[in-house]
Amino acid sequence: MGYLDKFHFCPVCGSNDFQDHDFKSKKCGSCGFVYYFNSAAACVAVITNEKGEMLVGVRGEEPAKGTLDLIGGFVDPGEDAQKAIIREIEEETGIDIRPMIEQGVSKLEFLFSLDSTYVYSGLQIYTCDTFYKIQIPSTTPIQAGDDVSSCRWIRPAEVNPSGFGLKSIRRCVELYLNSIQQ
């Protein structure tokens, strides 16, 4: 099923004359409104410590429940990706990184972005995932929260990318591991 197939009615006038316009949009035959289905913005953190270990979580919700994950999530309306990743880190680990950044203990660094898909409630959502790296002290208390069931530090040599359930996260882990081995 295509990502626009579940949209049957115009969100402006309610008409059921809501037809495919092109590969990423639908147009209302009654009022002329064109709806473009754009990628959703998401952000992810590669969190490391001074020992070079990575902080990994276990997904507590579908999709890919029970698989490894990095900390992150969707960018909320009115947020930029940096604000979103700071919020997501706090929601999923209990860590407020703002004071660490302000005091120069940690630095949030942009790594790269990847396109992906994410299936939610039977709808395939295209995403643009923005990846950041941040190092925090290994002594920082961590409390898994939100949609993360647990978190743990893991040495890069013990990381198996195939254990990560989401495609872009798996690709990020592969890219990150390759970058630190060179």
C-alpha atoms as a PDB file:
ATOM      1  CA  MET A   1       0.000   0.000   0.000  1.00  0.00           C
ATOM      2  CA  GLY A   2       1.360   3.418  -0.961  1.00  0.00           C
ATOM      3  CA  TYR A   3       1.757   6.120   1.626  1.00  0.00           C
ATOM      4  CA  LEU A   4      -1.076   8.232   0.180  1.00  0.00           C
ATOM      5  CA  ASP A   5      -3.551   5.357  -0.290  1.00  0.00           C
ATOM      6  CA  LYS A   6      -5.037   5.843   3.197  1.00  0.00           C
ATOM      7  CA  PHE A   7      -5.959   9.466   2.504  1.00  0.00           C
ATOM      8  CA  HIS A   8      -9.457   9.449   0.997  1.00  0.00           C
ATOM      9  CA  PHE A   9     -10.931  12.831   1.939  1.00  0.00           C
ATOM     10  CA  CYS A  10      -9.720  16.373   1.427  1.00  0.00           C
ATOM     11  CA  PRO A  11      -8.577  17.811   4.786  1.00  0.00           C
ATOM     12  CA  VAL A  12      -9.818  21.284   3.757  1.00  0.00           C
ATOM     13  CA  CYS A  13     -13.366  20.700   2.458  1.00  0.00           C
ATOM     14  CA  GLY A  14     -13.983  17.015   3.302  1.00  0.00           C
ATOM     15  CA  SER A  15     -14.703  15.985  -0.306  1.00  0.00           C
ATOM     16  CA  ASN A  16     -14.093  12.374  -1.280  1.00  0.00           C
ATOM     17  CA  ASP A  17     -12.865  13.622  -4.677  1.00  0.00           C
ATOM     18  CA  PHE A  18      -9.284  13.524  -3.368  1.00  0.00           C
ATOM     19  CA  GLN A  19      -7.211  12.030  -6.177  1.00  0.00           C
ATOM     20  CA  ASP A  20      -3.544  11.270  -6.850  1.00  0.00           C
ATOM     21  CA  HIS A  21      -1.820  14.357  -8.224  1.00  0.00           C
ATOM     22  CA  ASP A  22       1.708  12.979  -8.578  1.00  0.00           C
ATOM     23  CA  PHE A  23       3.888  10.479  -6.687  1.00  0.00           C
ATOM     24  CA  LYS A  24       3.923  12.569  -3.506  1.00  0.00           C
ATOM     25  CA  SER A  25       0.674  14.512  -3.558  1.00  0.00           C
ATOM     26  CA  LYS A  26      -3.099  14.372  -3.826  1.00  0.00           C
ATOM     27  CA  LYS A  27      -5.394  17.057  -5.180  1.00  0.00           C
ATOM     28  CA  CYS A  28      -8.997  17.783  -4.284  1.00  0.00           C
ATOM     29  CA  GLY A  29     -11.292  17.858  -7.316  1.00  0.00           C
ATOM     30  CA  SER A  30     -13.768  20.017  -5.398  1.00  0.00           C
ATOM     31  CA  CYS A  31     -11.745  22.839  -3.867  1.00  0.00           C
ATOM     32  CA  GLY A  32      -8.376  22.440  -5.632  1.00  0.00           C
ATOM     33  CA  PHE A  33      -6.315  21.920  -2.457  1.00  0.00           C
ATOM     34  CA  VAL A  34      -3.071  20.003  -3.103  1.00  0.00           C
ATOM     35  CA  TYR A  35      -1.625  17.995  -0.212  1.00  0.00           C
ATOM     36  CA  TYR A  36       2.088  17.173  -0.432  1.00  0.00           C
ATOM     37  CA  PHE A  37       3.222  14.247   1.679  1.00  0.00           C
ATOM     38  CA  ASN A  38       6.766  15.279   2.637  1.00  0.00           C
ATOM     39  CA  SER A  39       9.313  13.409   4.700  1.00  0.00           C
ATOM     40  CA  ALA A  40       9.026  13.683   8.472  1.00  0.00           C
ATOM     41  CA  ALA A  41      12.074  15.085  10.262  1.00  0.00           C
ATOM     42  CA  ALA A  42      13.737  12.868  12.849  1.00  0.00           C
ATOM     43  CA  CYS A  43      16.908  13.158  14.906  1.00  0.00           C
ATOM     44  CA  VAL A  44      19.243  10.581  16.440  1.00  0.00           C
ATOM     45  CA  ALA A  45      22.196  10.771  18.841  1.00  0.00           C
ATOM     46  CA  VAL A  46      25.337   8.662  18.843  1.00  0.00           C
ATOM     47  CA  ILE A  47      26.118   9.111  22.527  1.00  0.00           C
ATOM     48  CA  THR A  48      29.609   8.083  23.596  1.00  0.00           C
ATOM     49  CA  ASN A  49      31.637   8.320  26.792  1.00  0.00           C
ATOM     50  CA  GLU A  50      35.323   8.941  27.543  1.00  0.00           C
ATOM     51  CA  LYS A  51      35.978   5.173  27.218  1.00  0.00           C
ATOM     52  CA  GLY A  52      34.679   5.201  23.637  1.00  0.00           C
ATOM     53  CA  GLU A  53      31.581   3.178  24.548  1.00  0.00           C
ATOM     54  CA  MET A  54      28.247   3.855  22.837  1.00  0.00           C
ATOM     55  CA  LEU A  55      24.974   4.275  24.673  1.00  0.00           C
ATOM     56  CA  VAL A  56      22.387   1.969  23.142  1.00  0.00           C
ATOM     57  CA  GLY A  57      18.762   1.578  24.024  1.00  0.00           C
ATOM     58  CA  VAL A  58      16.275  -1.210  23.571  1.00  0.00           C
ATOM     59  CA  ARG A  59      13.068  -0.254  21.766  1.00  0.00           C
ATOM     60  CA  GLY A  60      10.084  -0.559  24.073  1.00  0.00           C
ATOM     61  CA  GLU A  61       7.472   0.020  21.345  1.00  0.00           C
ATOM     62  CA  GLU A  62       6.780  -0.996  17.764  1.00  0.00           C
ATOM     63  CA  PRO A  63       8.144  -0.757  15.187  1.00  0.00           C
ATOM     64  CA  ALA A  64      11.054  -3.122  15.915  1.00  0.00           C
ATOM     65  CA  LYS A  65      10.170  -3.539  19.610  1.00  0.00           C
ATOM     66  CA  GLY A  66      12.922  -5.340  21.531  1.00  0.00           C
ATOM     67  CA  THR A  67      15.723  -4.472  19.101  1.00  0.00           C
ATOM     68  CA  LEU A  68      18.661  -2.184  19.760  1.00  0.00           C
ATOM     69  CA  ASP A  69      18.306   1.497  19.011  1.00  0.00           C
ATOM     70  CA  LEU A  70      20.076   4.800  19.388  1.00  0.00           C
ATOM     71  CA  ILE A  71      18.442   7.630  21.278  1.00  0.00           C
ATOM     72  CA  GLY A  72      16.230   9.855  19.152  1.00  0.00           C
ATOM     73  CA  GLY A  73      12.832  10.526  17.691  1.00  0.00           C
ATOM     74  CA  PHE A  74      10.721  12.853  15.604  1.00  0.00           C
ATOM     75  CA  VAL A  75      11.146  16.618  15.470  1.00  0.00           C
ATOM     76  CA  ASP A  76       8.055  18.303  16.912  1.00  0.00           C
ATOM     77  CA  PRO A  77       6.378  21.259  15.178  1.00  0.00           C
ATOM     78  CA  GLY A  78       8.190  24.456  16.144  1.00  0.00           C
ATOM     79  CA  GLU A  79      11.475  22.658  16.923  1.00  0.00           C
ATOM     80  CA  ASP A  80      14.718  22.490  15.012  1.00  0.00           C
ATOM     81  CA  ALA A  81      16.657  19.213  14.954  1.00  0.00           C
ATOM     82  CA  GLN A  82      19.129  20.303  17.661  1.00  0.00           C
ATOM     83  CA  LYS A  83      16.383  21.238  20.116  1.00  0.00           C
ATOM     84  CA  ALA A  84      14.613  17.990  19.284  1.00  0.00           C
ATOM     85  CA  ILE A  85      17.637  15.783  19.966  1.00  0.00           C
ATOM     86  CA  ILE A  86      18.277  17.535  23.283  1.00  0.00           C
ATOM     87  CA  ARG A  87      14.618  16.901  24.221  1.00  0.00           C
ATOM     88  CA  GLU A  88      14.724  13.282  23.020  1.00  0.00           C
ATOM     89  CA  ILE A  89      17.899  12.558  25.006  1.00  0.00           C
ATOM     90  CA  GLU A  90      16.213  13.850  28.156  1.00  0.00           C
ATOM     91  CA  GLU A  91      12.949  11.970  27.491  1.00  0.00           C
ATOM     92  CA  GLU A  92      14.624   8.642  26.694  1.00  0.00           C
ATOM     93  CA  THR A  93      17.575   8.680  29.132  1.00  0.00           C
ATOM     94  CA  GLY A  94      16.721  11.243  31.812  1.00  0.00           C
ATOM     95  CA  ILE A  95      19.905  13.162  30.892  1.00  0.00           C
ATOM     96  CA  ASP A  96      19.668  16.932  30.534  1.00  0.00           C
ATOM     97  CA  ILE A  97      22.659  17.665  28.289  1.00  0.00           C
ATOM     98  CA  ARG A  98      22.054  21.437  28.176  1.00  0.00           C
ATOM     99  CA  PRO A  99      24.220  22.186  31.253  1.00  0.00           C
ATOM    100  CA  MET A 100      26.977  19.922  29.889  1.00  0.00           C
ATOM    101  CA  ILE A 101      26.959  21.842  26.612  1.00  0.00           C
ATOM    102  CA  GLU A 102      26.794  25.255  28.347  1.00  0.00           C
ATOM    103  CA  GLN A 103      29.733  24.339  30.636  1.00  0.00           C
ATOM    104  CA  GLY A 104      31.799  22.998  27.729  1.00  0.00           C
ATOM    105  CA  VAL A 105      31.809  19.448  29.119  1.00  0.00           C
ATOM    106  CA  SER A 106      30.042  18.148  26.014  1.00  0.00           C
ATOM    107  CA  LYS A 107      29.556  19.291  22.438  1.00  0.00           C
ATOM    108  CA  LEU A 108      26.719  18.334  20.114  1.00  0.00           C
ATOM    109  CA  GLU A 109      28.238  17.613  16.688  1.00  0.00           C
ATOM    110  CA  PHE A 110      26.351  17.072  13.424  1.00  0.00           C
ATOM    111  CA  LEU A 111      27.396  13.803  11.749  1.00  0.00           C
ATOM    112  CA  PHE A 112      25.200  13.338   8.647  1.00  0.00           C
ATOM    113  CA  SER A 113      21.644  12.733   7.521  1.00  0.00           C
ATOM    114  CA  LEU A 114      19.995   9.693   5.931  1.00  0.00           C
ATOM    115  CA  ASP A 115      16.650   9.039   4.315  1.00  0.00           C
ATOM    116  CA  SER A 116      14.561   6.192   5.656  1.00  0.00           C
ATOM    117  CA  THR A 117      11.073   4.815   6.141  1.00  0.00           C
ATOM    118  CA  TYR A 118       9.229   4.159   9.371  1.00  0.00           C
ATOM    119  CA  VAL A 119       6.033   2.126   9.569  1.00  0.00           C
ATOM    120  CA  TYR A 120       3.585   3.466  12.130  1.00  0.00           C
ATOM    121  CA  SER A 121      -0.026   2.269  12.494  1.00  0.00           C
ATOM    122  CA  GLY A 122       0.233   0.573   9.122  1.00  0.00           C
ATOM    123  CA  LEU A 123       1.357   3.744   7.357  1.00  0.00           C
ATOM    124  CA  GLN A 124       4.797   3.927   5.782  1.00  0.00           C
ATOM    125  CA  ILE A 125       6.287   7.294   6.689  1.00  0.00           C
ATOM    126  CA  TYR A 126       9.285   8.614   4.796  1.00  0.00           C
ATOM    127  CA  THR A 127      11.794  10.282   7.103  1.00  0.00           C
ATOM    128  CA  CYS A 128      14.837  12.498   6.876  1.00  0.00           C
ATOM    129  CA  ASP A 129      16.978  11.432   9.839  1.00  0.00           C
ATOM    130  CA  THR A 130      19.593  13.847  11.196  1.00  0.00           C
ATOM    131  CA  PHE A 131      22.407  12.271  13.219  1.00  0.00           C
ATOM    132  CA  TYR A 132      24.440  13.938  15.964  1.00  0.00           C
ATOM    133  CA  LYS A 133      27.296  12.813  18.176  1.00  0.00           C
ATOM    134  CA  ILE A 134      27.786  13.831  21.775  1.00  0.00           C
ATOM    135  CA  GLN A 135      30.187  12.591  24.421  1.00  0.00           C
ATOM    136  CA  ILE A 136      29.069  12.537  28.038  1.00  0.00           C
ATOM    137  CA  PRO A 137      30.808  11.264  31.184  1.00  0.00           C
ATOM    138  CA  SER A 138      30.288   7.533  31.813  1.00  0.00           C
ATOM    139  CA  THR A 139      29.283   8.402  35.377  1.00  0.00           C
ATOM    140  CA  THR A 140      26.197  10.283  34.166  1.00  0.00           C
ATOM    141  CA  PRO A 141      23.097   8.626  35.661  1.00  0.00           C
ATOM    142  CA  ILE A 142      20.837   7.108  33.007  1.00  0.00           C
ATOM    143  CA  GLN A 143      17.155   6.276  33.431  1.00  0.00           C
ATOM    144  CA  ALA A 144      15.415   4.747  30.417  1.00  0.00           C
ATOM    145  CA  GLY A 145      12.123   6.440  29.643  1.00  0.00           C
ATOM    146  CA  ASP A 146       9.536   7.216  26.999  1.00  0.00           C
ATOM    147  CA  ASP A 147       9.658   4.463  24.358  1.00  0.00           C
ATOM    148  CA  VAL A 148      13.024   3.026  25.474  1.00  0.00           C
ATOM    149  CA  SER A 149      12.789   0.001  27.761  1.00  0.00           C
ATOM    150  CA  SER A 150      16.464  -0.009  28.811  1.00  0.00           C
ATOM    151  CA  CYS A 151      19.843   1.607  28.087  1.00  0.00           C
ATOM    152  CA  ARG A 152      23.404   0.388  28.428  1.00  0.00           C
ATOM    153  CA  TRP A 153      26.944   1.292  27.471  1.00  0.00           C
ATOM    154  CA  ILE A 154      28.542  -1.036  24.934  1.00  0.00           C
ATOM    155  CA  ARG A 155      32.081  -1.151  23.530  1.00  0.00           C
ATOM    156  CA  PRO A 156      32.267  -0.585  19.764  1.00  0.00           C
ATOM    157  CA  ALA A 157      33.926  -3.989  19.272  1.00  0.00           C
ATOM    158  CA  GLU A 158      30.818  -5.616  20.764  1.00  0.00           C
ATOM    159  CA  VAL A 159      28.347  -3.707  18.586  1.00  0.00           C
ATOM    160  CA  ASN A 160      26.623  -5.741  15.900  1.00  0.00           C
ATOM    161  CA  PRO A 161      24.735  -3.442  13.510  1.00  0.00           C
ATOM    162  CA  SER A 162      22.296  -6.227  12.610  1.00  0.00           C
ATOM    163  CA  GLY A 163      20.897  -6.015  16.154  1.00  0.00           C
ATOM    164  CA  PHE A 164      19.468  -2.563  15.389  1.00  0.00           C
ATOM    165  CA  GLY A 165      15.905  -2.892  14.131  1.00  0.00           C
ATOM    166  CA  LEU A 166      15.488   0.334  12.163  1.00  0.00           C
ATOM    167  CA  LYS A 167      17.181   0.679   8.765  1.00  0.00           C
ATOM    168  CA  SER A 168      18.659   4.179   9.163  1.00  0.00           C
ATOM    169  CA  ILE A 169      19.865   3.454  12.696  1.00  0.00           C
ATOM    170  CA  ARG A 170      21.586   0.285  11.492  1.00  0.00           C
ATOM    171  CA  ARG A 171      23.215   2.270   8.652  1.00  0.00           C
ATOM    172  CA  CYS A 172      24.298   5.009  11.084  1.00  0.00           C
ATOM    173  CA  VAL A 173      25.924   2.444  13.370  1.00  0.00           C
ATOM    174  CA  GLU A 174      27.770   0.915  10.397  1.00  0.00           C
ATOM    175  CA  LEU A 175      29.009   4.331   9.254  1.00  0.00           C
ATOM    176  CA  TYR A 176      30.004   5.349  12.785  1.00  0.00           C
ATOM    177  CA  LEU A 177      31.892   2.108  13.450  1.00  0.00           C
ATOM    178  CA  ASN A 178      33.726   2.423  10.110  1.00  0.00           C
ATOM    179  CA  SER A 179      34.705   6.017  10.939  1.00  0.00           C
ATOM    180  CA  ILE A 180      36.278   5.121  14.286  1.00  0.00           C
ATOM    181  CA  GLN A 181      38.180   2.133  12.853  1.00  0.00           C
ATOM    182  CA  GLN A 182      40.026   4.275  10.300  1.00  0.00           C
END
